[in-house]
Structure formats: C-alpha cells, structure tokens
C-alpha cells in the first residue's frame, strides 16, 4: 500500500498544525486499511510529526516552498520518504546529538526530535539532490 502527500509551504500556508492533521489522517487511513498494530501507527505519527514540524518551522525555511511525503507499507514495515526544497540539512549528521545522560532539569530545551527519529527509525538515508533534501527511513511496530 502506498500513499503520497504534497504540502505546499509559504509563511502561514498551511500552518504546521494543518499539515500535521493531513498527515495524521493519511496515516490513520493506511493503518485502518492495513490493520496495523497501534505501536506502528503511534511510532510513525511521532516520527512524521517531528520531521515535518522541524522542516516547516526550524532552521532556514526562507527557500522552502514544498514538502513531499511518500509512505509505503509492506509486511508492517512502513517506509517514509520525505523530500523538501529547503536549505540543505542532513539530520543524520547536522543535528547536534543531545546528552541524554544529563538529568532532565539540566538538559537544554529542544534537540530531542531528531534523536527520537534516529533511534525509532531504521535504515535511515539522506541525500541532497537537485537542490532538495531527500530523507528515507523505515518504521516498524517495534525496533
């Protein structure tokens, strides 16, 4: 089963929360059709929320005009493909790794989103091609 979603981006259109609602609806449809375990739906939703929210709101979004999402599920392995035309950013190497050994009160705010994506996803790949960021990863019910 495969689904795609194109999210045009300009300041305020769509608001990141609108984009997240579209993605959640798409995931829920796929989950129902594929009879996914709840853990797969929850993991995928969390990962996509982090990736899309970070793409639409953090870093240099001045050149960002669109985000394309492709989801393909086979044997309860969900492959997520995310492509955007924003500034180059490789979450696998460009995001600082948080110190998760620090007590919560001593940790800086933020920085855990990419960490969660990289620890919950598998087979992560990034490339910059034709002035676009391409990120691909696989999500399973349990890793």
C-alpha atoms as a PDB file:
ATOM      1  CA  UNK A   1       0.000   0.000   0.000  1.00  0.00           C
ATOM      2  CA  UNK A   2       1.381   3.384  -0.998  1.00  0.00           C
ATOM      3  CA  UNK A   3       0.221   6.949  -0.352  1.00  0.00           C
ATOM      4  CA  UNK A   4       1.640  10.363  -1.199  1.00  0.00           C
ATOM      5  CA  UNK A   5       1.003  13.839   0.120  1.00  0.00           C
ATOM      6  CA  UNK A   6       2.184  17.165  -1.283  1.00  0.00           C
ATOM      7  CA  UNK A   7       2.363  20.014   1.219  1.00  0.00           C
ATOM      8  CA  UNK A   8       2.894  23.455  -0.335  1.00  0.00           C
ATOM      9  CA  UNK A   9       4.622  25.865   2.010  1.00  0.00           C
ATOM     10  CA  UNK A  10       4.575  29.602   2.296  1.00  0.00           C
ATOM     11  CA  UNK A  11       4.501  31.581   5.534  1.00  0.00           C
ATOM     12  CA  UNK A  12       1.294  30.522   7.246  1.00  0.00           C
ATOM     13  CA  UNK A  13       0.065  28.250   4.402  1.00  0.00           C
ATOM     14  CA  UNK A  14      -0.577  25.666   5.509  1.00  0.00           C
ATOM     15  CA  UNK A  15       0.035  26.202   9.175  1.00  0.00           C
ATOM     16  CA  UNK A  16       2.225  23.401  10.523  1.00  0.00           C
ATOM     17  CA  UNK A  17      -0.712  22.110  12.559  1.00  0.00           C
ATOM     18  CA  UNK A  18      -2.805  21.842   9.373  1.00  0.00           C
ATOM     19  CA  UNK A  19      -0.049  19.828   7.696  1.00  0.00           C
ATOM     20  CA  UNK A  20       0.212  17.551  10.729  1.00  0.00           C
ATOM     21  CA  UNK A  21      -3.550  16.947  10.669  1.00  0.00           C
ATOM     22  CA  UNK A  22      -3.376  15.938   6.992  1.00  0.00           C
ATOM     23  CA  UNK A  23      -0.542  13.531   7.744  1.00  0.00           C
ATOM     24  CA  UNK A  24      -2.315  12.054  10.763  1.00  0.00           C
ATOM     25  CA  UNK A  25      -5.451  11.457   8.686  1.00  0.00           C
ATOM     26  CA  UNK A  26      -3.418   9.786   5.947  1.00  0.00           C
ATOM     27  CA  UNK A  27      -1.630   7.561   8.476  1.00  0.00           C
ATOM     28  CA  UNK A  28      -4.886   6.608  10.175  1.00  0.00           C
ATOM     29  CA  UNK A  29      -6.431   5.638   6.822  1.00  0.00           C
ATOM     30  CA  UNK A  30      -3.421   3.485   5.988  1.00  0.00           C
ATOM     31  CA  UNK A  31      -3.400   1.934   9.461  1.00  0.00           C
ATOM     32  CA  UNK A  32      -7.061   1.008   9.223  1.00  0.00           C
ATOM     33  CA  UNK A  33      -6.725  -0.384   5.711  1.00  0.00           C
ATOM     34  CA  UNK A  34      -3.590  -2.368   6.608  1.00  0.00           C
ATOM     35  CA  UNK A  35      -4.775  -3.418  10.076  1.00  0.00           C
ATOM     36  CA  UNK A  36      -1.595  -2.035  11.637  1.00  0.00           C
ATOM     37  CA  UNK A  37      -0.749  -2.618  15.268  1.00  0.00           C
ATOM     38  CA  UNK A  38      -1.221   0.532  17.321  1.00  0.00           C
ATOM     39  CA  UNK A  39       2.519   0.715  18.008  1.00  0.00           C
ATOM     40  CA  UNK A  40       3.291   1.159  14.302  1.00  0.00           C
ATOM     41  CA  UNK A  41       0.743   3.952  13.934  1.00  0.00           C
ATOM     42  CA  UNK A  42       1.999   5.728  17.058  1.00  0.00           C
ATOM     43  CA  UNK A  43       5.688   5.431  16.118  1.00  0.00           C
ATOM     44  CA  UNK A  44       5.041   6.614  12.552  1.00  0.00           C
ATOM     45  CA  UNK A  45       2.924   9.523  13.743  1.00  0.00           C
ATOM     46  CA  UNK A  46       5.589  10.668  16.221  1.00  0.00           C
ATOM     47  CA  UNK A  47       8.372  10.398  13.651  1.00  0.00           C
ATOM     48  CA  UNK A  48       6.411  12.245  10.976  1.00  0.00           C
ATOM     49  CA  UNK A  49       5.348  14.945  13.413  1.00  0.00           C
ATOM     50  CA  UNK A  50       8.975  15.576  14.355  1.00  0.00           C
ATOM     51  CA  UNK A  51      10.255  15.525  10.781  1.00  0.00           C
ATOM     52  CA  UNK A  52       7.547  17.696   9.248  1.00  0.00           C
ATOM     53  CA  UNK A  53       7.325  20.154  12.134  1.00  0.00           C
ATOM     54  CA  UNK A  54      11.104  20.576  12.103  1.00  0.00           C
ATOM     55  CA  UNK A  55      11.092  21.062   8.333  1.00  0.00           C
ATOM     56  CA  UNK A  56       8.307  23.660   8.414  1.00  0.00           C
ATOM     57  CA  UNK A  57       9.356  25.632  11.484  1.00  0.00           C
ATOM     58  CA  UNK A  58      13.042  25.251  12.341  1.00  0.00           C
ATOM     59  CA  UNK A  59      16.221  26.278  10.641  1.00  0.00           C
ATOM     60  CA  UNK A  60      16.363  28.342   7.491  1.00  0.00           C
ATOM     61  CA  UNK A  61      12.932  27.965   5.886  1.00  0.00           C
ATOM     62  CA  UNK A  62      13.290  31.021   3.629  1.00  0.00           C
ATOM     63  CA  UNK A  63      13.645  28.933   0.459  1.00  0.00           C
ATOM     64  CA  UNK A  64      11.186  26.235   1.448  1.00  0.00           C
ATOM     65  CA  UNK A  65       8.182  26.055  -0.881  1.00  0.00           C
ATOM     66  CA  UNK A  66       7.081  22.425  -0.635  1.00  0.00           C
ATOM     67  CA  UNK A  67       7.349  19.168   1.228  1.00  0.00           C
ATOM     68  CA  UNK A  68       6.530  15.862  -0.422  1.00  0.00           C
ATOM     69  CA  UNK A  69       5.754  12.811   1.640  1.00  0.00           C
ATOM     70  CA  UNK A  70       5.587   9.261   0.378  1.00  0.00           C
ATOM     71  CA  UNK A  71       4.508   6.372   2.586  1.00  0.00           C
ATOM     72  CA  UNK A  72       4.711   2.729   1.597  1.00  0.00           C
ATOM     73  CA  UNK A  73       3.834  -0.151   3.887  1.00  0.00           C
ATOM     74  CA  UNK A  74       4.701  -3.771   3.224  1.00  0.00           C
ATOM     75  CA  UNK A  75       4.632  -6.518   5.860  1.00  0.00           C
ATOM     76  CA  UNK A  76       4.223  -3.921   8.651  1.00  0.00           C
ATOM     77  CA  UNK A  77       7.387  -2.107   7.599  1.00  0.00           C
ATOM     78  CA  UNK A  78       6.492   1.499   6.784  1.00  0.00           C
ATOM     79  CA  UNK A  79       8.949   3.271   4.511  1.00  0.00           C
ATOM     80  CA  UNK A  80       8.799   7.045   4.858  1.00  0.00           C
ATOM     81  CA  UNK A  81      10.198   9.256   2.123  1.00  0.00           C
ATOM     82  CA  UNK A  82      10.347  12.981   2.834  1.00  0.00           C
ATOM     83  CA  UNK A  83      11.575  15.456   0.218  1.00  0.00           C
ATOM     84  CA  UNK A  84      11.775  19.223   0.628  1.00  0.00           C
ATOM     85  CA  UNK A  85      13.331  22.125  -1.220  1.00  0.00           C
ATOM     86  CA  UNK A  86      14.590  23.911   1.888  1.00  0.00           C
ATOM     87  CA  UNK A  87      18.178  24.634   2.828  1.00  0.00           C
ATOM     88  CA  UNK A  88      20.491  21.634   2.965  1.00  0.00           C
ATOM     89  CA  UNK A  89      20.107  19.778   6.248  1.00  0.00           C
ATOM     90  CA  UNK A  90      21.163  16.225   6.929  1.00  0.00           C
ATOM     91  CA  UNK A  91      19.513  15.217  10.207  1.00  0.00           C
ATOM     92  CA  UNK A  92      21.853  12.236  10.445  1.00  0.00           C
ATOM     93  CA  UNK A  93      24.965  14.417  10.687  1.00  0.00           C
ATOM     94  CA  UNK A  94      23.958  18.085  11.046  1.00  0.00           C
ATOM     95  CA  UNK A  95      21.789  17.861  14.173  1.00  0.00           C
ATOM     96  CA  UNK A  96      23.668  18.025  17.468  1.00  0.00           C
ATOM     97  CA  UNK A  97      23.368  14.852  19.493  1.00  0.00           C
ATOM     98  CA  UNK A  98      21.695  15.549  22.832  1.00  0.00           C
ATOM     99  CA  UNK A  99      23.295  14.398  26.060  1.00  0.00           C
ATOM    100  CA  UNK A 100      20.573  12.067  27.284  1.00  0.00           C
ATOM    101  CA  UNK A 101      22.646  11.161  30.346  1.00  0.00           C
ATOM    102  CA  UNK A 102      22.055  14.580  31.917  1.00  0.00           C
ATOM    103  CA  UNK A 103      19.222  14.897  34.438  1.00  0.00           C
ATOM    104  CA  UNK A 104      16.093  16.397  32.857  1.00  0.00           C
ATOM    105  CA  UNK A 105      16.471  19.663  34.746  1.00  0.00           C
ATOM    106  CA  UNK A 106      19.945  20.180  33.254  1.00  0.00           C
ATOM    107  CA  UNK A 107      19.116  19.390  29.623  1.00  0.00           C
ATOM    108  CA  UNK A 108      18.653  22.244  27.179  1.00  0.00           C
ATOM    109  CA  UNK A 109      15.180  22.652  25.689  1.00  0.00           C
ATOM    110  CA  UNK A 110      14.812  21.096  22.253  1.00  0.00           C
ATOM    111  CA  UNK A 111      17.119  18.835  20.310  1.00  0.00           C
ATOM    112  CA  UNK A 112      15.388  15.554  21.071  1.00  0.00           C
ATOM    113  CA  UNK A 113      13.221  15.364  17.940  1.00  0.00           C
ATOM    114  CA  UNK A 114      15.925  14.255  15.533  1.00  0.00           C
ATOM    115  CA  UNK A 115      17.319  11.967  18.230  1.00  0.00           C
ATOM    116  CA  UNK A 116      13.912  10.266  18.560  1.00  0.00           C
ATOM    117  CA  UNK A 117      13.632   9.880  14.794  1.00  0.00           C
ATOM    118  CA  UNK A 118      17.075   8.304  14.504  1.00  0.00           C
ATOM    119  CA  UNK A 119      16.509   5.917  17.411  1.00  0.00           C
ATOM    120  CA  UNK A 120      12.966   4.884  16.411  1.00  0.00           C
ATOM    121  CA  UNK A 121      13.614   4.608  12.681  1.00  0.00           C
ATOM    122  CA  UNK A 122      15.746   2.120  10.794  1.00  0.00           C
ATOM    123  CA  UNK A 123      17.631   2.157   7.508  1.00  0.00           C
ATOM    124  CA  UNK A 124      17.956   5.941   7.582  1.00  0.00           C
ATOM    125  CA  UNK A 125      19.295   7.514   4.401  1.00  0.00           C
ATOM    126  CA  UNK A 126      19.842  11.146   3.434  1.00  0.00           C
ATOM    127  CA  UNK A 127      20.974  12.716   0.191  1.00  0.00           C
ATOM    128  CA  UNK A 128      20.920  16.165  -1.328  1.00  0.00           C
ATOM    129  CA  UNK A 129      19.882  16.012  -4.967  1.00  0.00           C
ATOM    130  CA  UNK A 130      18.624  18.696  -7.381  1.00  0.00           C
ATOM    131  CA  UNK A 131      18.572  21.291  -4.558  1.00  0.00           C
ATOM    132  CA  UNK A 132      16.283  19.103  -2.478  1.00  0.00           C
ATOM    133  CA  UNK A 133      16.695  17.202   0.777  1.00  0.00           C
ATOM    134  CA  UNK A 134      15.743  13.521   0.494  1.00  0.00           C
ATOM    135  CA  UNK A 135      15.265  11.557   3.705  1.00  0.00           C
ATOM    136  CA  UNK A 136      14.183   7.944   3.793  1.00  0.00           C
ATOM    137  CA  UNK A 137      13.648   5.652   6.766  1.00  0.00           C
ATOM    138  CA  UNK A 138      11.765   2.555   7.799  1.00  0.00           C
ATOM    139  CA  UNK A 139       9.474   2.278  10.816  1.00  0.00           C
ATOM    140  CA  UNK A 140       8.329  -0.997  12.324  1.00  0.00           C
ATOM    141  CA  UNK A 141       5.957  -1.668  15.230  1.00  0.00           C
ATOM    142  CA  UNK A 142       8.925  -2.472  17.482  1.00  0.00           C
ATOM    143  CA  UNK A 143      12.629  -1.900  16.977  1.00  0.00           C
END
